[in-house]
Amino acid sequence: MRLEEYQTLYDKMETRSEFDEQILAMTKEPRNGRKRAGYKTGWRKLAYVAAALALFAGVYQIPAVSAEVRGLVKQFTSQITITLGGKDEAKPQNVEMTGEYIKICKDASKEDRKYDTLADVEQELGISLLQSSQAYEKGSNLVRYNPHISKNGNLYGALLVDDFYVMGDLQNVELESTPEVTTNNSCIYDCGEQYQSPIGVNIVIRTDENKEDAYIDHEIEYAGRKMDLTEDENISDVELYPLKHLGVKAVLYTFPTDGVANAVERSNQQVTEYNYATFVYEGIEYIYYGAVSRDTMKEFLNTLK
């Protein structure tokens, strides 16, 4: 039976919440069998920097089973639980970010590789990505591309990573890049007044292939992520921020960190915390991070178009 036929049957059923919860529990059971073209151990560490790994690693459940089963073919929903105004001052609330699965070029690369810019990735995949006028593009092999491949050989998603997307007012920047997919790019710099590190970006692309084995891939969370920012006492200053040019809201928060391992500040100034911003726009999930102030992060976000 095809997925569409299962969906039709489910739409005709009237289920109690307890039944939905049982289905939800089953969707959380981990299964083996994920396959990705060109996968090497080093790539697992490329998807997220340390703080993001702490938040996104593990098995995330689908936010609302009865709603999601109806939408499996067309859309995903990520849910972030937050508390605004301090954890002791308000009740947690759920922020849902829904996106349509997108179409990509059938001839898109199925091998791990690096691209010079996000514009090059756009051309490869046949899609549109948010870009900033402040993007650092003085070099080659700046964007790491990690495709996710189904058992049948179809590309159902991809991770894009650029740890040095924007340099801001960093001084004396020396960035060394390599086409080797198992070797991280590295950067040495002097801190500026606003930037104590580059702003990096992780981009999650989910295609409209809707292959069954895509749903067990917890690295791109094909059906959508579930994050609970109220569970970690180290997370602070959570807020919802409307992006001026995009018409969506980003979840912003601060997380303590030792910084990105492959970014080095010459005077060895200790980086104590990063600001993060995550949102979904036109079916693509974006996560930005950097040792910059909240105001500087907002200024950067408003350059995205």
Protein backbone atom coordinates (compact mmCIF):
# COMPACT_ATOMS: atom_id res chain seq x y z
CA MET A 1 0.00 0.00 0.00
CA ARG A 2 1.29 3.44 -0.91
CA LEU A 3 1.70 6.22 1.64
CA GLU A 4 -1.13 8.19 0.01
CA GLU A 5 -3.50 5.24 0.55
CA TYR A 6 -2.55 5.00 4.23
CA GLN A 7 -3.23 8.70 4.52
CA THR A 8 -6.71 8.33 2.99
CA LEU A 9 -7.58 5.53 5.41
CA TYR A 10 -6.37 7.53 8.39
CA ASP A 11 -8.40 10.57 7.35
CA LYS A 12 -11.57 8.43 7.52
CA MET A 13 -10.82 7.22 11.05
CA GLU A 14 -12.08 8.84 14.23
CA THR A 15 -9.47 8.25 16.92
CA ARG A 16 -9.22 9.05 20.61
CA SER A 17 -6.25 11.04 21.87
CA GLU A 18 -4.97 7.88 23.58
CA PHE A 19 -4.73 6.15 20.21
CA ASP A 20 -2.84 9.09 18.72
CA GLU A 21 -0.44 8.91 21.66
CA GLN A 22 0.17 5.21 20.99
CA ILE A 23 0.95 5.95 17.37
CA LEU A 24 3.25 8.73 18.50
CA ALA A 25 5.11 6.34 20.81
CA MET A 26 5.67 3.97 17.90
CA THR A 27 7.04 6.74 15.71
CA LYS A 28 9.66 7.39 18.39
CA GLU A 29 11.08 3.87 18.21
CA PRO A 30 14.55 4.07 16.64
CA ARG A 31 15.18 1.95 13.58
CA ASN A 32 18.30 1.15 11.68
CA GLY A 33 18.91 1.34 7.99
CA ARG A 34 19.77 4.94 7.23
CA LYS A 35 21.98 5.32 4.20
CA ARG A 36 23.68 8.39 2.87
CA ALA A 37 25.88 8.69 -0.17
CA GLY A 38 29.49 9.51 0.52
CA TYR A 39 28.96 9.31 4.29
CA LYS A 40 32.08 9.36 6.43
CA THR A 41 32.37 9.47 10.20
CA GLY A 42 33.71 13.01 10.24
CA TRP A 43 30.55 14.40 8.69
CA ARG A 44 28.44 13.61 11.75
CA LYS A 45 30.28 16.38 13.59
CA LEU A 46 29.79 18.88 10.81
CA ALA A 47 26.04 19.34 11.20
CA TYR A 48 25.95 21.38 14.36
CA VAL A 49 28.36 23.08 16.71
CA ALA A 50 28.61 21.83 20.28
CA ALA A 51 25.65 23.69 21.77
CA ALA A 52 23.37 22.80 18.89
CA LEU A 53 24.32 19.14 19.20
CA ALA A 54 23.28 19.21 22.83
CA LEU A 55 19.86 20.49 21.79
CA PHE A 56 19.17 18.57 18.61
CA ALA A 57 20.80 15.16 19.17
CA GLY A 58 18.61 12.17 20.02
CA VAL A 59 15.18 11.07 18.84
CA TYR A 60 12.55 13.79 18.40
CA GLN A 61 8.89 13.00 18.25
CA ILE A 62 6.33 14.30 15.80
CA PRO A 63 4.44 17.17 17.50
CA ALA A 64 0.85 16.13 16.69
CA VAL A 65 0.29 12.68 15.27
CA SER A 66 -3.26 13.07 13.99
CA ALA A 67 -2.29 16.29 12.20
CA GLU A 68 1.07 15.06 10.98
CA VAL A 69 -0.22 11.80 9.50
CA ARG A 70 -2.54 13.85 7.32
CA GLY A 71 0.35 16.07 6.31
CA LEU A 72 3.15 13.56 5.80
CA VAL A 73 3.05 13.88 2.05
CA LYS A 74 3.04 17.70 1.94
CA GLN A 75 4.62 19.28 5.01
CA PHE A 76 6.67 18.94 8.16
CA THR A 77 6.23 20.68 11.53
CA SER A 78 8.98 21.57 13.96
CA GLN A 79 7.98 22.42 17.52
CA ILE A 80 10.04 24.42 20.00
CA THR A 81 8.96 24.71 23.63
CA ILE A 82 9.98 28.03 25.14
CA THR A 83 9.33 30.22 28.16
CA LEU A 84 9.31 33.96 27.61
CA GLY A 85 10.12 36.40 30.38
CA GLY A 86 12.17 33.96 32.47
CA LYS A 87 11.49 30.38 33.45
CA ASP A 88 9.94 31.35 36.79
CA GLU A 89 7.74 34.09 35.39
CA ALA A 90 5.65 32.41 32.70
CA LYS A 91 4.31 29.06 31.57
CA PRO A 92 6.02 27.20 28.73
CA GLN A 93 4.51 27.63 25.28
CA ASN A 94 4.96 25.73 22.04
CA VAL A 95 6.10 27.48 18.88
CA GLU A 96 5.28 25.54 15.72
CA MET A 97 7.17 26.09 12.48
CA THR A 98 5.53 24.41 9.51
CA GLY A 99 7.17 24.08 6.11
CA GLU A 100 6.29 22.56 2.78
CA TYR A 101 8.66 19.93 1.40
CA ILE A 102 10.48 21.41 -1.58
CA LYS A 103 11.36 20.19 -5.05
CA ILE A 104 15.00 19.97 -6.03
CA CYS A 105 16.80 19.21 -9.26
CA LYS A 106 16.77 15.49 -10.09
CA ASP A 107 20.39 15.72 -11.18
CA ALA A 108 21.58 17.23 -7.87
CA SER A 109 24.79 15.76 -6.47
CA LYS A 110 24.42 12.75 -4.19
CA GLU A 111 27.96 12.92 -2.90
CA ASP A 112 29.43 14.85 0.03
CA ARG A 113 31.28 17.87 -1.30
CA LYS A 114 31.99 21.55 -0.76
CA TYR A 115 30.73 24.55 -2.71
CA ASP A 116 32.19 28.02 -2.92
CA THR A 117 28.99 29.90 -2.02
CA LEU A 118 25.32 29.37 -1.21
CA ALA A 119 24.57 30.69 -4.70
CA ASP A 120 26.45 27.68 -6.10
CA VAL A 121 24.30 25.36 -3.97
CA GLU A 122 21.18 27.10 -5.27
CA GLN A 123 22.25 26.37 -8.82
CA GLU A 124 23.08 22.74 -8.01
CA LEU A 125 19.76 22.02 -6.30
CA GLY A 126 17.54 24.36 -8.30
CA ILE A 127 16.21 26.11 -5.19
CA SER A 128 16.28 29.53 -3.53
CA LEU A 129 18.13 30.07 -0.25
CA LEU A 130 18.19 33.05 2.06
CA GLN A 131 21.39 35.05 1.69
CA SER A 132 22.92 38.04 3.39
CA SER A 133 24.64 41.00 1.79
CA GLN A 134 27.26 40.59 4.53
CA ALA A 135 28.22 37.04 3.51
CA TYR A 136 31.95 36.29 3.42
CA GLU A 137 32.79 34.94 -0.04
CA LYS A 138 36.54 35.57 -0.28
CA GLY A 139 37.62 32.06 -1.04
CA SER A 140 36.50 28.68 -2.26
CA ASN A 141 35.00 25.51 -0.74
CA LEU A 142 33.25 27.53 1.99
CA VAL A 143 29.96 25.58 2.16
CA ARG A 144 29.84 21.92 3.19
CA TYR A 145 27.12 19.89 1.47
CA ASN A 146 25.92 16.62 3.01
CA PRO A 147 23.14 14.88 0.99
CA HIS A 148 20.87 12.24 2.52
CA ILE A 149 19.98 9.35 0.25
CA SER A 150 17.13 6.83 0.51
CA LYS A 151 17.56 3.08 0.12
CA ASN A 152 16.30 3.48 -3.43
CA GLY A 153 18.97 6.03 -4.20
CA ASN A 154 16.77 9.12 -4.06
CA LEU A 155 17.98 12.35 -2.47
CA TYR A 156 15.39 13.24 0.20
CA GLY A 157 17.29 15.95 2.08
CA ALA A 158 20.58 17.72 2.66
CA LEU A 159 22.56 19.59 5.31
CA LEU A 160 24.51 22.72 4.44
CA VAL A 161 27.10 24.10 6.87
CA ASP A 162 29.17 27.27 6.73
CA ASP A 163 30.86 27.97 10.07
CA PHE A 164 32.21 31.27 8.74
CA TYR A 165 29.24 32.70 6.88
CA VAL A 166 29.61 36.30 8.10
CA MET A 167 32.79 37.90 9.48
CA GLY A 168 31.31 41.25 10.51
CA ASP A 169 33.98 43.53 12.01
CA LEU A 170 36.51 40.77 12.72
CA GLN A 171 40.01 41.93 11.88
CA ASN A 172 42.96 40.28 10.10
CA VAL A 173 40.89 37.30 9.02
CA GLU A 174 42.85 34.32 7.69
CA LEU A 175 40.55 31.57 6.46
CA GLU A 176 41.99 28.32 5.17
CA SER A 177 39.59 26.16 3.16
CA THR A 178 39.99 22.79 1.53
CA PRO A 179 37.89 20.76 -0.93
CA GLU A 180 38.40 17.66 1.25
CA VAL A 181 34.97 16.81 2.69
CA THR A 182 36.44 15.13 5.77
CA THR A 183 38.58 18.16 6.69
CA ASN A 184 37.08 21.23 8.34
CA ASN A 185 37.90 24.69 7.11
CA SER A 186 39.75 26.79 9.70
CA CYS A 187 39.88 30.47 10.55
CA ILE A 188 42.14 32.77 12.59
CA TYR A 189 41.12 36.34 13.39
CA ASP A 190 41.23 39.26 15.81
CA CYS A 191 38.00 40.17 17.60
CA GLY A 192 36.07 43.26 16.56
CA GLU A 193 33.84 45.45 18.65
CA GLN A 194 30.65 43.62 17.64
CA TYR A 195 31.91 40.19 16.58
CA GLN A 196 33.91 37.88 18.83
CA SER A 197 33.51 35.06 16.30
CA PRO A 198 32.07 34.61 12.82
CA ILE A 199 28.35 33.94 12.47
CA GLY A 200 27.86 30.44 11.13
CA VAL A 201 24.83 28.79 9.57
CA ASN A 202 23.32 25.31 9.33
CA ILE A 203 20.63 24.81 6.69
CA VAL A 204 18.32 21.79 6.62
CA ILE A 205 16.66 20.97 3.30
CA ARG A 206 13.85 18.42 3.14
CA THR A 207 12.70 17.38 -0.32
CA ASP A 208 9.30 16.22 -1.52
CA GLU A 209 10.52 12.68 -2.19
CA ASN A 210 8.73 11.43 0.95
CA LYS A 211 10.62 8.15 1.02
CA GLU A 212 9.69 5.97 3.98
CA ASP A 213 13.24 5.54 5.22
CA ALA A 214 13.66 9.31 5.36
CA TYR A 215 11.56 9.41 8.51
CA ILE A 216 14.10 7.43 10.53
CA ASP A 217 16.90 9.89 9.77
CA HIS A 218 17.23 11.84 13.00
CA GLU A 219 19.99 14.06 11.67
CA ILE A 220 17.71 16.06 9.40
CA GLU A 221 14.48 15.12 11.27
CA TYR A 222 12.49 14.67 8.08
CA ALA A 223 9.07 14.98 9.77
CA GLY A 224 10.15 17.96 11.87
CA ARG A 225 12.12 18.58 15.05
CA LYS A 226 10.95 18.81 18.61
CA MET A 227 13.07 20.96 20.91
CA ASP A 228 12.40 21.88 24.52
CA LEU A 229 14.41 24.93 25.51
CA THR A 230 12.92 24.85 29.01
CA GLU A 231 14.75 21.65 29.95
CA ASP A 232 18.28 23.08 29.93
CA GLU A 233 19.02 25.59 32.69
CA ASN A 234 22.01 26.87 30.70
CA ILE A 235 19.76 28.33 28.01
CA SER A 236 18.80 31.95 28.64
CA ASP A 237 17.20 35.04 27.10
CA VAL A 238 14.72 33.17 24.91
CA GLU A 239 12.61 35.37 22.68
CA LEU A 240 10.50 35.37 19.53
CA TYR A 241 11.79 37.85 17.00
CA PRO A 242 9.84 38.86 13.85
CA LEU A 243 12.14 39.01 10.83
CA LYS A 244 11.46 42.26 9.00
CA HIS A 245 11.80 41.11 5.40
CA LEU A 246 10.60 37.52 5.73
CA GLY A 247 7.26 37.57 7.55
CA VAL A 248 8.24 34.79 9.99
CA LYS A 249 9.42 34.73 13.59
CA ALA A 250 12.75 33.32 14.72
CA VAL A 251 13.39 31.73 18.10
CA LEU A 252 16.44 33.41 19.63
CA TYR A 253 18.32 32.14 22.67
CA THR A 254 21.71 32.26 24.36
CA PHE A 255 23.80 29.21 25.19
CA PRO A 256 27.20 28.97 26.95
CA THR A 257 30.00 27.59 24.78
CA ASP A 258 33.73 27.38 24.32
CA GLY A 259 33.31 28.43 20.69
CA VAL A 260 33.76 26.64 17.38
CA ALA A 261 36.81 24.39 17.53
CA ASN A 262 38.06 25.39 14.08
CA ALA A 263 37.77 29.15 14.73
CA VAL A 264 40.64 30.71 16.68
CA GLU A 265 40.88 34.25 18.06
CA ARG A 266 44.53 35.32 18.12
CA SER A 267 44.57 36.86 21.61
CA ASN A 268 42.88 33.73 23.01
CA GLN A 269 40.00 35.79 24.33
CA GLN A 270 37.60 33.43 26.08
CA VAL A 271 34.26 33.11 24.31
CA THR A 272 31.67 32.33 26.96
CA GLU A 273 28.37 32.28 25.10
CA TYR A 274 26.79 32.12 21.67
CA ASN A 275 23.53 33.59 20.44
CA TYR A 276 21.38 31.29 18.29
CA ALA A 277 18.51 31.95 15.91
CA THR A 278 16.37 29.26 14.31
CA PHE A 279 13.37 29.48 11.97
CA VAL A 280 11.74 27.91 8.91
CA TYR A 281 11.28 29.93 5.74
CA GLU A 282 9.70 28.61 2.53
CA GLY A 283 10.21 24.99 3.54
CA ILE A 284 13.88 25.34 4.57
CA GLU A 285 15.17 25.38 8.16
CA TYR A 286 17.90 27.84 9.14
CA ILE A 287 20.04 27.91 12.28
CA TYR A 288 22.46 30.81 12.78
CA TYR A 289 24.97 31.01 15.63
CA GLY A 290 27.84 33.21 16.74
CA ALA A 291 29.64 34.93 19.61
CA VAL A 292 27.85 38.20 19.01
CA SER A 293 25.40 40.22 21.09
CA ARG A 294 21.66 39.72 20.70
CA ASP A 295 21.34 43.11 19.00
CA THR A 296 24.11 42.24 16.55
CA MET A 297 22.43 38.93 15.74
CA LYS A 298 19.18 40.78 15.04
CA GLU A 299 20.93 43.26 12.79
CA PHE A 300 22.42 40.39 10.84
CA LEU A 301 19.08 38.52 10.57
CA ASN A 302 17.49 41.59 9.04
CA THR A 303 20.01 41.47 6.16
CA LEU A 304 18.62 38.10 5.02
CA LYS A 305 16.66 38.12 1.77
